[in-house]
Protein backbone atom coordinates (compact mmCIF):
# COMPACT_ATOMS: atom_id res chain seq x y z
CA MET A 1 104.76 -36.38 39.04
CA TRP A 2 103.90 -35.61 42.69
CA ARG A 3 104.06 -31.83 42.78
CA GLY A 4 100.85 -30.24 43.94
CA LYS A 5 99.31 -33.60 44.78
CA LYS A 6 98.59 -34.54 48.36
CA LEU A 7 100.11 -37.98 48.87
CA SER A 8 98.81 -40.75 51.09
CA PRO A 9 101.25 -41.95 53.78
CA GLN A 10 102.06 -45.02 51.66
CA GLU A 11 102.66 -42.91 48.55
CA LEU A 12 104.85 -40.54 50.56
CA ILE A 13 106.99 -43.37 51.96
CA HIS A 14 107.25 -44.93 48.49
CA SER A 15 108.37 -41.60 46.97
CA ILE A 16 110.94 -41.04 49.72
CA ASN A 17 112.28 -44.58 49.23
CA ASN A 18 112.60 -43.97 45.49
CA GLN A 19 114.67 -40.84 46.11
CA LEU A 20 116.80 -42.63 48.72
CA THR A 21 117.50 -45.40 46.21
CA ILE A 22 118.84 -42.80 43.79
CA VAL A 23 121.03 -41.22 46.50
CA MET A 24 122.35 -44.62 47.60
CA GLY A 25 123.09 -45.69 44.01
CA ARG A 26 124.84 -42.46 43.08
CA ALA A 27 126.91 -42.47 46.28
CA ASP A 28 127.89 -46.08 45.61
CA LEU A 29 128.91 -45.31 42.02
CA LEU A 30 130.90 -42.26 43.07
CA SER A 31 132.65 -44.16 45.86
CA HIS A 32 133.97 -46.63 43.27
CA ALA A 33 135.09 -43.92 40.85
CA GLN A 34 138.63 -42.65 40.68
CA VAL A 35 138.33 -40.11 43.47
CA ASN A 36 140.47 -39.43 46.50
CA GLU A 37 140.10 -41.43 49.70
CA GLU A 38 138.25 -38.65 51.53
CA THR A 39 135.59 -38.44 48.79
CA GLN A 40 135.19 -42.23 48.86
CA HIS A 41 134.71 -42.09 52.63
CA VAL A 42 132.09 -39.32 52.35
CA CYS A 43 130.22 -41.30 49.67
CA LEU A 44 130.14 -44.35 51.92
CA GLU A 45 128.83 -42.21 54.80
CA ILE A 46 126.05 -40.89 52.54
CA ARG A 47 125.16 -44.39 51.40
CA LYS A 48 125.13 -45.69 54.97
CA ALA A 49 122.92 -42.81 56.18
CA ALA A 50 120.51 -43.31 53.27
CA GLY A 51 120.38 -47.02 54.06
CA LYS A 52 119.49 -46.25 57.68
CA LEU A 53 116.73 -43.90 56.53
CA ASN A 54 115.42 -46.60 54.22
CA HIS A 55 115.33 -49.05 57.14
CA LEU A 56 113.53 -46.54 59.38
CA LEU A 57 110.92 -45.87 56.69
CA ARG A 58 110.28 -49.60 56.32
CA GLN A 59 109.82 -49.90 60.08
CA TYR A 60 107.38 -46.99 60.02
CA MET A 61 105.39 -48.64 57.22
CA ASP A 62 105.27 -51.93 59.12
CA ILE A 63 104.02 -50.16 62.25
CA SER A 64 101.41 -48.10 60.40
CA GLN A 65 100.13 -51.14 58.50
CA SER A 66 99.91 -53.11 61.74
CA ASN A 67 98.04 -50.25 63.47
CA HIS A 68 95.63 -49.97 60.54
CA ALA A 69 94.94 -53.73 60.66
CA ASN A 70 94.37 -53.56 64.44
CA MET A 71 91.94 -50.66 64.03
CA LYS A 72 89.97 -52.56 61.35
CA ALA A 73 89.83 -55.65 63.56
CA ALA A 74 88.45 -53.59 66.47
CA ILE A 75 85.41 -52.43 64.46
CA PRO A 76 82.47 -54.80 65.03
CA PRO A 77 80.88 -56.42 61.95
CA GLY A 78 78.01 -54.45 60.47
CA ASN A 79 79.41 -51.14 61.71
CA ASN A 80 79.40 -48.54 58.94
CA LEU A 81 82.45 -46.64 60.15
CA PRO A 82 84.88 -45.72 57.36
CA THR A 83 88.06 -47.81 57.34
CA THR A 84 90.14 -45.12 55.66
CA PRO A 85 90.64 -41.53 56.80
CA ARG A 86 88.31 -39.00 55.25
CA LYS A 87 89.74 -36.29 53.03
CA TYR A 88 88.46 -32.84 53.86
């Protein structure tokens, strides 16, 4: 799917979030399985850490979207500057 393709920041965040969702779901399922208490605790730690990463990624996306909107607003009308980064 994404191998060999250079992802945009939004695509990268989306892909990371998809993988984190899998990790969180699997850890949650395993924590409810018939495993010992230590394994349940480790699964909950994994789920909690993945949840924190998910939250941080959402904050990053909010900041980057806000910065992009501010940059677009700072360009005067009629200016022909590109609004998206150029790919070299």
